[in-house]
Amino acid sequence: MNNLYGSSTQTVDDKWRIRIASKYLPPIPEGSTEPVIKRVSMIAGPQGCIKVYEPEILQEWLDKKLAMLPDTLEGLNAKRKILSSVEHVDVDKQYRVVLPPTLRGYANIKKEIATIGMGDHFEIWAKETQDDLDEKMTFESAFAKIGYL
């Protein structure tokens, strides 16, 4: 899952499943009946989102970021907090995943979600939360942050 961009919205079903948008999937070989992705890794992200990665990409990210933590009580507590939020979730043949209870509670997901492509992963947000954040950032200010204007 690389070069993930764009956004989408959907409703969580009664079993707390969502469908991974096709824009976040690698090309599916013609005639294939097997999912091109069989498992994803989810982790609590900042501001109340769920970050979704291919397991290998999340592991690389964790190895790099957690190595930066000092070997102190505070560093160990941060590591515990981060790692305790990781959930490995199977993907079914229709590219659906179940949102784990701890993560959907953290993200305050009730029914409607928004997904946002973030390059090497995508984020899942409670739609209301993402709408609130989106209202606070204009395209002009976003481009100004990267020195485009």
N, C-alpha and C. Protein backbone atom coordinates (compact mmCIF):
# COMPACT_ATOMS: atom_id res chain seq x y z
N MET A 1 0.85 -1.16 0.00
CA MET A 1 0.00 0.00 0.00
C MET A 1 0.90 1.24 0.00
N ASN A 2 1.22 1.71 -1.16
CA ASN A 2 2.00 2.93 -1.31
C ASN A 2 1.26 3.89 -2.21
N ASN A 3 1.62 5.15 -2.11
CA ASN A 3 0.98 6.19 -2.90
C ASN A 3 -0.53 6.23 -2.67
N LEU A 4 -0.90 6.21 -1.41
CA LEU A 4 -2.32 6.25 -1.05
C LEU A 4 -2.73 7.70 -0.84
N TYR A 5 -3.67 8.14 -1.64
CA TYR A 5 -4.13 9.52 -1.60
C TYR A 5 -5.64 9.55 -1.68
N GLY A 6 -6.20 10.72 -1.49
CA GLY A 6 -7.64 10.90 -1.63
C GLY A 6 -8.37 10.59 -0.35
N SER A 7 -9.68 10.71 -0.43
CA SER A 7 -10.52 10.45 0.73
C SER A 7 -11.81 9.78 0.30
N SER A 8 -12.47 9.19 1.26
CA SER A 8 -13.78 8.60 1.00
C SER A 8 -14.55 8.54 2.31
N THR A 9 -15.84 8.35 2.21
CA THR A 9 -16.68 8.18 3.39
C THR A 9 -17.52 6.93 3.21
N GLN A 10 -17.90 6.35 4.32
CA GLN A 10 -18.78 5.19 4.29
C GLN A 10 -19.40 4.98 5.66
N THR A 11 -20.34 4.06 5.71
CA THR A 11 -21.01 3.70 6.94
C THR A 11 -20.51 2.35 7.41
N VAL A 12 -20.23 2.26 8.70
CA VAL A 12 -19.81 0.99 9.30
C VAL A 12 -21.03 0.08 9.34
N ASP A 13 -20.85 -1.21 9.03
CA ASP A 13 -22.01 -2.12 9.06
C ASP A 13 -22.28 -2.61 10.49
N ASP A 14 -23.30 -3.44 10.65
CA ASP A 14 -23.72 -3.90 11.97
C ASP A 14 -22.67 -4.76 12.67
N LYS A 15 -21.73 -5.31 11.91
CA LYS A 15 -20.65 -6.13 12.50
C LYS A 15 -19.37 -5.32 12.68
N TRP A 16 -19.47 -3.99 12.56
CA TRP A 16 -18.34 -3.06 12.71
C TRP A 16 -17.30 -3.25 11.61
N ARG A 17 -17.76 -3.63 10.42
CA ARG A 17 -16.85 -3.79 9.29
C ARG A 17 -16.90 -2.56 8.39
N ILE A 18 -15.75 -2.30 7.77
CA ILE A 18 -15.68 -1.30 6.71
C ILE A 18 -15.00 -1.95 5.53
N ARG A 19 -15.25 -1.41 4.36
CA ARG A 19 -14.60 -1.90 3.15
C ARG A 19 -13.40 -0.99 2.85
N ILE A 20 -12.25 -1.61 2.58
CA ILE A 20 -11.08 -0.82 2.18
C ILE A 20 -11.36 -0.30 0.77
N ALA A 21 -11.31 1.01 0.62
CA ALA A 21 -11.59 1.63 -0.68
C ALA A 21 -10.59 1.14 -1.72
N SER A 22 -11.07 0.91 -2.92
CA SER A 22 -10.21 0.38 -3.99
C SER A 22 -9.00 1.28 -4.25
N LYS A 23 -9.14 2.58 -4.00
CA LYS A 23 -8.01 3.50 -4.21
C LYS A 23 -6.85 3.20 -3.27
N TYR A 24 -7.09 2.46 -2.18
CA TYR A 24 -6.04 2.12 -1.23
C TYR A 24 -5.50 0.70 -1.43
N LEU A 25 -5.94 0.04 -2.50
CA LEU A 25 -5.49 -1.33 -2.77
C LEU A 25 -4.54 -1.36 -3.95
N PRO A 26 -3.57 -2.28 -3.93
CA PRO A 26 -2.73 -2.45 -5.13
C PRO A 26 -3.60 -3.00 -6.26
N PRO A 27 -3.13 -2.89 -7.50
CA PRO A 27 -3.92 -3.43 -8.61
C PRO A 27 -4.23 -4.91 -8.39
N ILE A 28 -5.47 -5.26 -8.67
CA ILE A 28 -5.90 -6.65 -8.52
C ILE A 28 -5.70 -7.36 -9.85
N PRO A 29 -4.90 -8.45 -9.86
CA PRO A 29 -4.66 -9.16 -11.12
C PRO A 29 -5.98 -9.65 -11.72
N GLU A 30 -6.09 -9.53 -13.03
CA GLU A 30 -7.30 -9.95 -13.72
C GLU A 30 -7.57 -11.43 -13.47
N GLY A 31 -8.82 -11.73 -13.14
CA GLY A 31 -9.22 -13.11 -12.90
C GLY A 31 -8.89 -13.63 -11.52
N SER A 32 -8.25 -12.81 -10.69
CA SER A 32 -7.86 -13.24 -9.35
C SER A 32 -9.07 -13.31 -8.44
N THR A 33 -9.13 -14.35 -7.63
CA THR A 33 -10.20 -14.48 -6.65
C THR A 33 -9.67 -14.31 -5.23
N GLU A 34 -8.36 -14.26 -5.07
CA GLU A 34 -7.75 -14.08 -3.77
C GLU A 34 -7.50 -12.61 -3.50
N PRO A 35 -7.72 -12.16 -2.29
CA PRO A 35 -7.43 -10.76 -1.97
C PRO A 35 -5.94 -10.46 -2.16
N VAL A 36 -5.63 -9.28 -2.66
CA VAL A 36 -4.23 -8.90 -2.83
C VAL A 36 -3.63 -8.48 -1.49
N ILE A 37 -4.47 -8.16 -0.55
CA ILE A 37 -4.03 -7.88 0.82
C ILE A 37 -4.86 -8.78 1.72
N LYS A 38 -4.18 -9.56 2.57
CA LYS A 38 -4.89 -10.49 3.44
C LYS A 38 -4.93 -10.03 4.89
N ARG A 39 -4.08 -9.05 5.22
CA ARG A 39 -4.02 -8.57 6.60
C ARG A 39 -3.51 -7.14 6.60
N VAL A 40 -4.06 -6.34 7.50
CA VAL A 40 -3.56 -4.98 7.73
C VAL A 40 -3.26 -4.82 9.21
N SER A 41 -2.44 -3.83 9.51
CA SER A 41 -2.15 -3.50 10.90
C SER A 41 -2.71 -2.12 11.18
N MET A 42 -3.40 -2.02 12.30
CA MET A 42 -4.01 -0.76 12.72
C MET A 42 -3.36 -0.30 14.01
N ILE A 43 -3.23 1.01 14.15
CA ILE A 43 -2.63 1.59 15.35
C ILE A 43 -3.32 2.92 15.64
N ALA A 44 -3.45 3.23 16.92
CA ALA A 44 -4.01 4.53 17.30
C ALA A 44 -3.09 5.62 16.79
N GLY A 45 -3.67 6.64 16.19
CA GLY A 45 -2.90 7.76 15.67
C GLY A 45 -3.22 9.03 16.41
N PRO A 46 -2.44 10.07 16.16
CA PRO A 46 -2.71 11.34 16.84
C PRO A 46 -4.06 11.94 16.43
N GLN A 47 -4.61 12.73 17.29
CA GLN A 47 -5.85 13.47 17.08
C GLN A 47 -7.08 12.58 17.01
N GLY A 48 -6.97 11.30 17.37
CA GLY A 48 -8.14 10.43 17.41
C GLY A 48 -8.42 9.66 16.14
N CYS A 49 -7.41 9.38 15.34
CA CYS A 49 -7.63 8.56 14.14
C CYS A 49 -7.06 7.17 14.34
N ILE A 50 -7.41 6.28 13.42
CA ILE A 50 -6.82 4.95 13.34
C ILE A 50 -5.96 4.94 12.09
N LYS A 51 -4.68 4.61 12.24
CA LYS A 51 -3.78 4.54 11.09
C LYS A 51 -3.74 3.08 10.63
N VAL A 52 -3.84 2.86 9.30
CA VAL A 52 -3.88 1.51 8.74
C VAL A 52 -2.70 1.33 7.79
N TYR A 53 -1.90 0.31 8.07
CA TYR A 53 -0.68 0.02 7.31
C TYR A 53 -0.67 -1.43 6.85
N GLU A 54 0.13 -1.71 5.84
CA GLU A 54 0.52 -3.09 5.60
C GLU A 54 1.40 -3.46 6.78
N PRO A 55 1.31 -4.70 7.29
CA PRO A 55 2.07 -5.07 8.49
C PRO A 55 3.57 -4.77 8.42
N GLU A 56 4.18 -5.03 7.27
CA GLU A 56 5.62 -4.81 7.14
C GLU A 56 5.98 -3.33 7.25
N ILE A 57 5.14 -2.48 6.67
CA ILE A 57 5.40 -1.04 6.69
C ILE A 57 5.24 -0.50 8.11
N LEU A 58 4.22 -0.96 8.83
CA LEU A 58 4.06 -0.52 10.21
C LEU A 58 5.25 -0.98 11.04
N GLN A 59 5.71 -2.21 10.84
CA GLN A 59 6.83 -2.72 11.63
C GLN A 59 8.08 -1.89 11.38
N GLU A 60 8.35 -1.53 10.14
CA GLU A 60 9.50 -0.67 9.83
C GLU A 60 9.36 0.68 10.54
N TRP A 61 8.18 1.26 10.49
CA TRP A 61 7.93 2.55 11.13
C TRP A 61 8.14 2.45 12.64
N LEU A 62 7.58 1.38 13.25
CA LEU A 62 7.74 1.20 14.70
C LEU A 62 9.20 1.01 15.07
N ASP A 63 9.92 0.19 14.32
CA ASP A 63 11.34 -0.04 14.61
C ASP A 63 12.11 1.28 14.60
N LYS A 64 11.84 2.10 13.61
CA LYS A 64 12.55 3.38 13.47
C LYS A 64 12.16 4.36 14.58
N LYS A 65 10.86 4.52 14.82
CA LYS A 65 10.39 5.52 15.78
C LYS A 65 10.64 5.10 17.24
N LEU A 66 10.43 3.83 17.55
CA LEU A 66 10.59 3.40 18.94
C LEU A 66 12.06 3.36 19.35
N ALA A 67 12.95 3.19 18.38
CA ALA A 67 14.38 3.23 18.69
C ALA A 67 14.80 4.63 19.16
N MET A 68 14.02 5.64 18.83
CA MET A 68 14.34 7.01 19.23
C MET A 68 13.94 7.30 20.68
N LEU A 69 13.11 6.44 21.26
CA LEU A 69 12.66 6.68 22.64
C LEU A 69 13.80 6.42 23.62
N PRO A 70 13.96 7.27 24.61
CA PRO A 70 14.99 7.02 25.62
C PRO A 70 14.60 5.83 26.49
N ASP A 71 15.57 5.16 27.03
CA ASP A 71 15.33 4.00 27.88
C ASP A 71 15.09 4.47 29.32
N THR A 72 14.04 5.27 29.47
CA THR A 72 13.64 5.81 30.76
C THR A 72 12.24 5.32 31.06
N LEU A 73 11.75 5.59 32.26
CA LEU A 73 10.38 5.20 32.59
C LEU A 73 9.38 5.84 31.64
N GLU A 74 9.60 7.13 31.35
CA GLU A 74 8.70 7.83 30.42
C GLU A 74 8.77 7.22 29.02
N GLY A 75 9.97 6.90 28.56
CA GLY A 75 10.14 6.28 27.25
C GLY A 75 9.49 4.91 27.19
N LEU A 76 9.66 4.11 28.25
CA LEU A 76 9.03 2.79 28.30
C LEU A 76 7.52 2.90 28.34
N ASN A 77 7.00 3.88 29.08
CA ASN A 77 5.54 4.08 29.13
C ASN A 77 5.00 4.49 27.77
N ALA A 78 5.75 5.35 27.06
CA ALA A 78 5.32 5.74 25.71
C ALA A 78 5.31 4.53 24.79
N LYS A 79 6.34 3.70 24.89
CA LYS A 79 6.41 2.49 24.06
C LYS A 79 5.25 1.56 24.35
N ARG A 80 4.95 1.36 25.64
CA ARG A 80 3.81 0.51 26.01
C ARG A 80 2.50 1.05 25.45
N LYS A 81 2.32 2.36 25.57
CA LYS A 81 1.07 2.98 25.10
C LYS A 81 0.90 2.77 23.60
N ILE A 82 1.97 3.04 22.86
CA ILE A 82 1.92 2.91 21.40
C ILE A 82 1.70 1.45 20.99
N LEU A 83 2.52 0.55 21.52
CA LEU A 83 2.43 -0.86 21.10
C LEU A 83 1.14 -1.53 21.56
N SER A 84 0.58 -1.08 22.67
CA SER A 84 -0.67 -1.69 23.13
C SER A 84 -1.84 -1.38 22.20
N SER A 85 -1.70 -0.37 21.35
CA SER A 85 -2.80 -0.02 20.45
C SER A 85 -2.75 -0.77 19.12
N VAL A 86 -1.68 -1.50 18.86
CA VAL A 86 -1.53 -2.19 17.57
C VAL A 86 -2.48 -3.39 17.50
N GLU A 87 -3.21 -3.48 16.39
CA GLU A 87 -4.10 -4.61 16.13
C GLU A 87 -3.84 -5.10 14.70
N HIS A 88 -3.64 -6.41 14.55
CA HIS A 88 -3.50 -7.01 13.23
C HIS A 88 -4.87 -7.56 12.84
N VAL A 89 -5.37 -7.14 11.69
CA VAL A 89 -6.75 -7.44 11.30
C VAL A 89 -6.77 -8.13 9.94
N ASP A 90 -7.50 -9.25 9.87
CA ASP A 90 -7.63 -9.97 8.60
C ASP A 90 -8.55 -9.22 7.66
N VAL A 91 -8.25 -9.34 6.37
CA VAL A 91 -9.05 -8.74 5.30
C VAL A 91 -9.82 -9.87 4.62
N ASP A 92 -11.13 -9.72 4.49
CA ASP A 92 -11.90 -10.79 3.83
C ASP A 92 -11.86 -10.62 2.31
N LYS A 93 -12.50 -11.53 1.60
CA LYS A 93 -12.44 -11.53 0.13
C LYS A 93 -13.11 -10.32 -0.49
N GLN A 94 -13.96 -9.62 0.26
CA GLN A 94 -14.60 -8.42 -0.25
C GLN A 94 -13.88 -7.16 0.24
N TYR A 95 -12.66 -7.35 0.75
CA TYR A 95 -11.82 -6.25 1.25
C TYR A 95 -12.46 -5.50 2.40
N ARG A 96 -13.11 -6.26 3.28
CA ARG A 96 -13.67 -5.68 4.49
C ARG A 96 -12.77 -6.03 5.67
N VAL A 97 -12.73 -5.12 6.64
CA VAL A 97 -12.02 -5.36 7.89
C VAL A 97 -12.94 -4.99 9.04
N VAL A 98 -12.77 -5.67 10.14
CA VAL A 98 -13.53 -5.34 11.35
C VAL A 98 -12.73 -4.32 12.14
N LEU A 99 -13.38 -3.24 12.53
CA LEU A 99 -12.73 -2.25 13.38
C LEU A 99 -12.67 -2.78 14.81
N PRO A 100 -11.47 -2.99 15.35
CA PRO A 100 -11.35 -3.51 16.71
C PRO A 100 -12.01 -2.58 17.73
N PRO A 101 -12.66 -3.15 18.75
CA PRO A 101 -13.39 -2.32 19.72
C PRO A 101 -12.54 -1.25 20.39
N THR A 102 -11.31 -1.57 20.76
CA THR A 102 -10.48 -0.57 21.45
C THR A 102 -10.17 0.60 20.54
N LEU A 103 -9.88 0.32 19.27
CA LEU A 103 -9.54 1.41 18.34
C LEU A 103 -10.76 2.22 17.94
N ARG A 104 -11.89 1.56 17.71
CA ARG A 104 -13.07 2.35 17.35
C ARG A 104 -13.53 3.19 18.52
N GLY A 105 -13.32 2.71 19.76
CA GLY A 105 -13.63 3.53 20.93
C GLY A 105 -12.69 4.72 21.02
N TYR A 106 -11.40 4.48 20.79
CA TYR A 106 -10.42 5.56 20.82
C TYR A 106 -10.77 6.63 19.78
N ALA A 107 -11.18 6.20 18.58
CA ALA A 107 -11.49 7.13 17.50
C ALA A 107 -12.92 7.66 17.59
N ASN A 108 -13.68 7.20 18.57
CA ASN A 108 -15.06 7.65 18.77
C ASN A 108 -15.93 7.39 17.54
N ILE A 109 -15.74 6.23 16.92
CA ILE A 109 -16.51 5.89 15.73
C ILE A 109 -17.85 5.30 16.14
N LYS A 110 -18.89 5.90 15.60
CA LYS A 110 -20.26 5.44 15.88
C LYS A 110 -20.86 4.74 14.66
N LYS A 111 -20.86 5.41 13.52
CA LYS A 111 -21.46 4.84 12.32
C LYS A 111 -20.79 5.32 11.03
N GLU A 112 -20.60 6.62 10.91
CA GLU A 112 -20.02 7.19 9.69
C GLU A 112 -18.52 7.38 9.87
N ILE A 113 -17.76 7.00 8.84
CA ILE A 113 -16.31 7.20 8.88
C ILE A 113 -15.84 7.96 7.65
N ALA A 114 -14.68 8.56 7.78
CA ALA A 114 -13.98 9.15 6.65
C ALA A 114 -12.60 8.50 6.62
N THR A 115 -12.12 8.19 5.42
CA THR A 115 -10.76 7.68 5.29
C THR A 115 -9.96 8.68 4.47
N ILE A 116 -8.70 8.83 4.85
CA ILE A 116 -7.80 9.79 4.21
C ILE A 116 -6.51 9.07 3.86
N GLY A 117 -6.13 9.09 2.57
CA GLY A 117 -4.86 8.51 2.15
C GLY A 117 -3.70 9.39 2.59
N MET A 118 -2.68 8.77 3.18
CA MET A 118 -1.55 9.52 3.74
C MET A 118 -0.21 9.04 3.17
N GLY A 119 -0.21 8.58 1.93
CA GLY A 119 1.04 8.16 1.30
C GLY A 119 1.28 6.68 1.48
N ASP A 120 1.89 6.28 2.62
CA ASP A 120 2.20 4.87 2.84
C ASP A 120 1.16 4.18 3.73
N HIS A 121 0.13 4.89 4.12
CA HIS A 121 -0.95 4.32 4.93
C HIS A 121 -2.20 5.17 4.73
N PHE A 122 -3.31 4.72 5.29
CA PHE A 122 -4.49 5.57 5.30
C PHE A 122 -5.01 5.67 6.72
N GLU A 123 -5.78 6.72 6.96
CA GLU A 123 -6.34 6.95 8.28
C GLU A 123 -7.85 6.76 8.24
N ILE A 124 -8.37 6.26 9.35
CA ILE A 124 -9.82 6.13 9.53
C ILE A 124 -10.21 7.09 10.64
N TRP A 125 -11.20 7.91 10.36
CA TRP A 125 -11.68 8.92 11.30
C TRP A 125 -13.18 8.76 11.51
N ALA A 126 -13.66 9.10 12.70
CA ALA A 126 -15.09 9.35 12.84
C ALA A 126 -15.38 10.54 11.93
N LYS A 127 -16.39 10.43 11.11
CA LYS A 127 -16.64 11.48 10.11
C LYS A 127 -16.79 12.85 10.75
N GLU A 128 -17.46 12.93 11.88
CA GLU A 128 -17.67 14.22 12.54
C GLU A 128 -16.33 14.84 12.96
N THR A 129 -15.42 14.01 13.47
CA THR A 129 -14.11 14.50 13.90
C THR A 129 -13.33 15.02 12.71
N GLN A 130 -13.33 14.27 11.62
CA GLN A 130 -12.58 14.69 10.43
C GLN A 130 -13.20 15.95 9.84
N ASP A 131 -14.52 16.04 9.83
CA ASP A 131 -15.18 17.26 9.33
C ASP A 131 -14.75 18.48 10.14
N ASP A 132 -14.69 18.33 11.47
CA ASP A 132 -14.26 19.44 12.33
C ASP A 132 -12.83 19.86 12.02
N LEU A 133 -11.94 18.88 11.88
CA LEU A 133 -10.54 19.19 11.56
C LEU A 133 -10.42 19.84 10.18
N ASP A 134 -11.20 19.33 9.24
CA ASP A 134 -11.14 19.86 7.87
C ASP A 134 -11.58 21.32 7.82
N GLU A 135 -12.56 21.69 8.63
CA GLU A 135 -13.04 23.07 8.67
C GLU A 135 -11.97 24.03 9.19
N LYS A 136 -11.04 23.52 9.99
CA LYS A 136 -10.02 24.37 10.59
C LYS A 136 -8.81 24.60 9.68
N MET A 137 -8.74 23.86 8.56
CA MET A 137 -7.58 23.98 7.67
C MET A 137 -8.07 24.26 6.25
N THR A 138 -7.74 25.43 5.74
CA THR A 138 -8.09 25.74 4.35
C THR A 138 -6.99 25.21 3.43
N PHE A 139 -7.30 25.10 2.14
CA PHE A 139 -6.27 24.70 1.19
C PHE A 139 -5.14 25.73 1.16
N GLU A 140 -5.50 26.99 1.28
CA GLU A 140 -4.47 28.04 1.26
C GLU A 140 -3.50 27.88 2.42
N SER A 141 -4.03 27.64 3.63
CA SER A 141 -3.12 27.48 4.77
C SER A 141 -2.35 26.16 4.69
N ALA A 142 -2.96 25.12 4.13
CA ALA A 142 -2.23 23.85 3.97
C ALA A 142 -1.06 24.02 3.00
N PHE A 143 -1.29 24.69 1.88
CA PHE A 143 -0.20 24.91 0.92
C PHE A 143 0.85 25.86 1.50
N ALA A 144 0.43 26.81 2.30
CA ALA A 144 1.39 27.72 2.94
C ALA A 144 2.31 26.96 3.88
N LYS A 145 1.80 25.92 4.55
CA LYS A 145 2.62 25.12 5.46
C LYS A 145 3.78 24.43 4.74
N ILE A 146 3.59 24.13 3.46
CA ILE A 146 4.67 23.48 2.72
C ILE A 146 5.43 24.47 1.83
N GLY A 147 5.16 25.74 2.05
CA GLY A 147 5.90 26.77 1.34
C GLY A 147 5.51 26.93 -0.11
N TYR A 148 4.31 26.54 -0.46
CA TYR A 148 3.86 26.60 -1.85
C TYR A 148 3.35 27.98 -2.24
N LEU A 149 2.81 28.73 -1.29
CA LEU A 149 2.25 30.06 -1.62
C LEU A 149 3.27 31.14 -1.45
